[in-house]
N, C-alpha and C. Protein backbone atom coordinates (compact mmCIF):
# COMPACT_ATOMS: atom_id res chain seq x y z
N MET A 1 -92.52 -14.27 7.40
CA MET A 1 -92.30 -13.82 5.63
C MET A 1 -91.64 -15.38 5.66
N GLY A 2 -92.55 -15.48 3.86
CA GLY A 2 -91.98 -16.84 3.53
C GLY A 2 -91.30 -16.75 2.79
N GLU A 3 -90.36 -18.14 2.00
CA GLU A 3 -89.44 -17.80 1.40
C GLU A 3 -88.81 -16.91 0.57
N LEU A 4 -90.04 -16.60 -0.51
CA LEU A 4 -90.04 -15.83 -1.92
C LEU A 4 -90.22 -14.39 -1.05
N GLY A 5 -90.90 -14.02 0.07
CA GLY A 5 -90.60 -12.78 0.54
C GLY A 5 -89.09 -12.12 0.98
N ASP A 6 -88.56 -13.48 1.42
CA ASP A 6 -87.16 -13.24 2.17
C ASP A 6 -86.28 -13.28 0.73
N LYS A 7 -86.05 -14.44 -0.33
CA LYS A 7 -85.42 -13.96 -1.24
C LYS A 7 -85.46 -12.43 -2.10
N ALA A 8 -86.72 -12.17 -2.22
CA ALA A 8 -87.29 -10.88 -3.02
C ALA A 8 -86.10 -9.61 -1.70
N LYS A 9 -86.31 -9.81 -0.40
CA LYS A 9 -85.73 -8.66 0.62
C LYS A 9 -84.66 -8.43 -0.19
N GLY A 10 -83.79 -9.77 0.24
CA GLY A 10 -82.49 -10.07 0.06
C GLY A 10 -82.27 -9.53 -1.04
N ILE A 11 -82.72 -9.66 -2.45
CA ILE A 11 -81.84 -9.02 -3.61
C ILE A 11 -82.17 -7.77 -3.75
N ALA A 12 -83.17 -7.27 -3.01
CA ALA A 12 -83.30 -5.93 -2.86
C ALA A 12 -82.35 -4.83 -2.11
N ASN A 13 -81.97 -5.50 -1.23
CA ASN A 13 -80.78 -5.50 -0.53
C ASN A 13 -79.38 -5.56 -0.86
N GLU A 14 -79.27 -6.41 -1.57
CA GLU A 14 -77.81 -6.68 -2.25
C GLU A 14 -77.86 -5.69 -3.10
N ALA A 15 -78.80 -5.40 -3.98
CA ALA A 15 -78.70 -4.39 -5.39
C ALA A 15 -78.27 -3.04 -4.18
N ALA A 16 -79.25 -2.32 -3.08
CA ALA A 16 -78.84 -1.00 -3.11
C ALA A 16 -77.20 -1.34 -2.35
N GLY A 17 -77.14 -2.44 -1.76
CA GLY A 17 -75.84 -2.19 -1.13
C GLY A 17 -74.36 -2.04 -2.08
N LYS A 18 -74.72 -2.83 -3.31
CA LYS A 18 -74.01 -2.46 -4.48
C LYS A 18 -73.97 -1.00 -5.06
N VAL A 19 -74.87 -0.66 -5.05
CA VAL A 19 -74.94 0.64 -5.56
C VAL A 19 -74.21 1.53 -4.70
N LYS A 20 -74.44 2.01 -2.87
CA LYS A 20 -73.73 2.82 -1.89
C LYS A 20 -72.44 2.00 -2.16
N GLN A 21 -72.04 1.43 -2.75
CA GLN A 21 -70.49 0.87 -2.57
C GLN A 21 -69.54 1.58 -3.79
N GLN A 22 -70.51 1.90 -4.56
CA GLN A 22 -69.74 3.00 -5.70
C GLN A 22 -69.43 4.43 -5.09
N SER A 23 -69.93 4.93 -4.22
CA SER A 23 -69.72 5.86 -3.44
C SER A 23 -68.48 6.56 -3.45
N GLY A 24 -68.34 7.86 -3.41
CA GLY A 24 -66.88 7.90 -3.06
C GLY A 24 -66.80 8.42 -1.84
N ASP A 25 -67.96 8.22 -0.78
CA ASP A 25 -67.67 8.57 0.21
C ASP A 25 -67.60 7.21 1.14
N PRO A 26 -66.46 7.30 1.88
CA PRO A 26 -66.18 6.04 2.60
C PRO A 26 -67.63 5.55 3.69
N GLU A 27 -68.04 6.26 4.24
CA GLU A 27 -68.84 5.60 5.25
C GLU A 27 -70.45 4.99 4.56
N THR A 28 -70.53 5.49 3.34
CA THR A 28 -71.77 5.08 2.25
C THR A 28 -71.14 3.94 1.93
N ARG A 29 -70.00 4.08 1.54
CA ARG A 29 -69.38 2.24 0.99
C ARG A 29 -69.31 1.42 1.92
N ALA A 30 -68.99 1.77 3.25
CA ALA A 30 -69.42 0.54 4.81
C ALA A 30 -70.67 0.37 4.48
N GLU A 31 -71.86 1.28 4.98
CA GLU A 31 -73.29 1.05 5.00
C GLU A 31 -73.16 -0.20 3.48
N GLY A 32 -72.92 0.16 2.43
CA GLY A 32 -72.87 -0.57 1.09
C GLY A 32 -72.97 -2.37 1.19
N HIS A 33 -71.71 -2.41 1.77
CA HIS A 33 -70.95 -3.51 2.21
C HIS A 33 -72.10 -4.28 3.35
N ALA A 34 -72.10 -3.77 3.88
CA ALA A 34 -72.82 -4.15 5.30
C ALA A 34 -74.44 -4.47 4.71
N GLN A 35 -74.88 -3.55 3.79
CA GLN A 35 -76.54 -4.36 3.44
C GLN A 35 -76.38 -5.31 2.45
N GLU A 36 -74.89 -5.32 1.88
CA GLU A 36 -74.95 -6.44 0.48
C GLU A 36 -75.04 -7.84 1.30
N ARG A 37 -74.11 -7.95 2.56
CA ARG A 37 -73.98 -8.72 3.39
C ARG A 37 -75.40 -9.36 4.09
N LYS A 38 -76.02 -7.97 4.56
CA LYS A 38 -77.61 -8.41 4.84
C LYS A 38 -78.17 -9.20 3.98
N GLY A 39 -78.27 -8.90 2.64
CA GLY A 39 -79.31 -9.42 1.52
C GLY A 39 -78.78 -10.69 1.48
N GLU A 40 -77.65 -11.38 0.85
CA GLU A 40 -77.02 -12.23 1.17
C GLU A 40 -77.58 -13.45 2.65
N ALA A 41 -77.62 -13.06 3.28
CA ALA A 41 -78.23 -13.64 4.58
C ALA A 41 -79.48 -13.73 4.51
N GLN A 42 -80.31 -12.91 3.87
CA GLN A 42 -81.75 -13.21 3.83
C GLN A 42 -82.09 -14.14 2.41
N ASN A 43 -81.31 -14.03 1.43
CA ASN A 43 -81.14 -15.10 0.48
C ASN A 43 -80.94 -16.37 1.21
N LEU A 44 -80.31 -16.82 1.91
CA LEU A 44 -79.62 -18.11 2.47
C LEU A 44 -81.37 -18.29 3.38
N LYS A 45 -81.57 -17.40 4.08
CA LYS A 45 -82.80 -17.37 4.80
C LYS A 45 -84.43 -18.05 4.24
N GLY A 46 -84.17 -17.61 2.89
CA GLY A 46 -85.03 -17.55 1.90
C GLY A 46 -85.16 -19.22 1.90
N GLU A 47 -83.95 -19.69 1.04
CA GLU A 47 -83.35 -20.80 0.79
C GLU A 47 -83.40 -22.01 1.65
N ALA A 48 -83.26 -21.93 3.00
CA ALA A 48 -83.71 -22.53 4.08
C ALA A 48 -85.08 -23.01 4.23
N LYS A 49 -85.92 -21.72 3.88
CA LYS A 49 -87.23 -22.00 4.15
C LYS A 49 -88.00 -22.82 3.30
N GLY A 50 -87.44 -22.75 2.07
CA GLY A 50 -87.57 -23.15 0.97
C GLY A 50 -87.41 -24.84 0.97
N ALA A 51 -85.90 -24.79 1.68
CA ALA A 51 -85.60 -26.65 1.49
C ALA A 51 -86.74 -27.16 2.65
N MET A 52 -86.90 -26.36 3.46
CA MET A 52 -87.46 -27.10 4.81
C MET A 52 -88.67 -27.61 4.44
N GLY A 53 -89.81 -26.68 3.25
CA GLY A 53 -90.91 -27.28 2.85
C GLY A 53 -91.99 -26.83 4.30
N ASN A 54 -92.55 -27.73 4.26
CA ASN A 54 -93.70 -28.05 5.09
C ASN A 54 -93.34 -28.90 6.46
N LYS A 55 -92.15 -28.75 6.55
CA LYS A 55 -91.54 -29.48 7.63
C LYS A 55 -91.74 -28.21 8.76
N VAL A 56 -92.06 -27.48 9.05
CA VAL A 56 -91.80 -26.42 10.13
C VAL A 56 -93.34 -26.80 10.37
């Protein structure tokens, strides 16, 4: 997947994670926290791909 695809998935996961963290259920809040972190990692992966450009 390319830079933009990774960033888009990252943004979507972060947003979904933030919504889940607003839940009254502790298990759902924990899922939301993990999903938000996953999104942040995907964003970083996309940024790294963008920084490397055609070097890969």
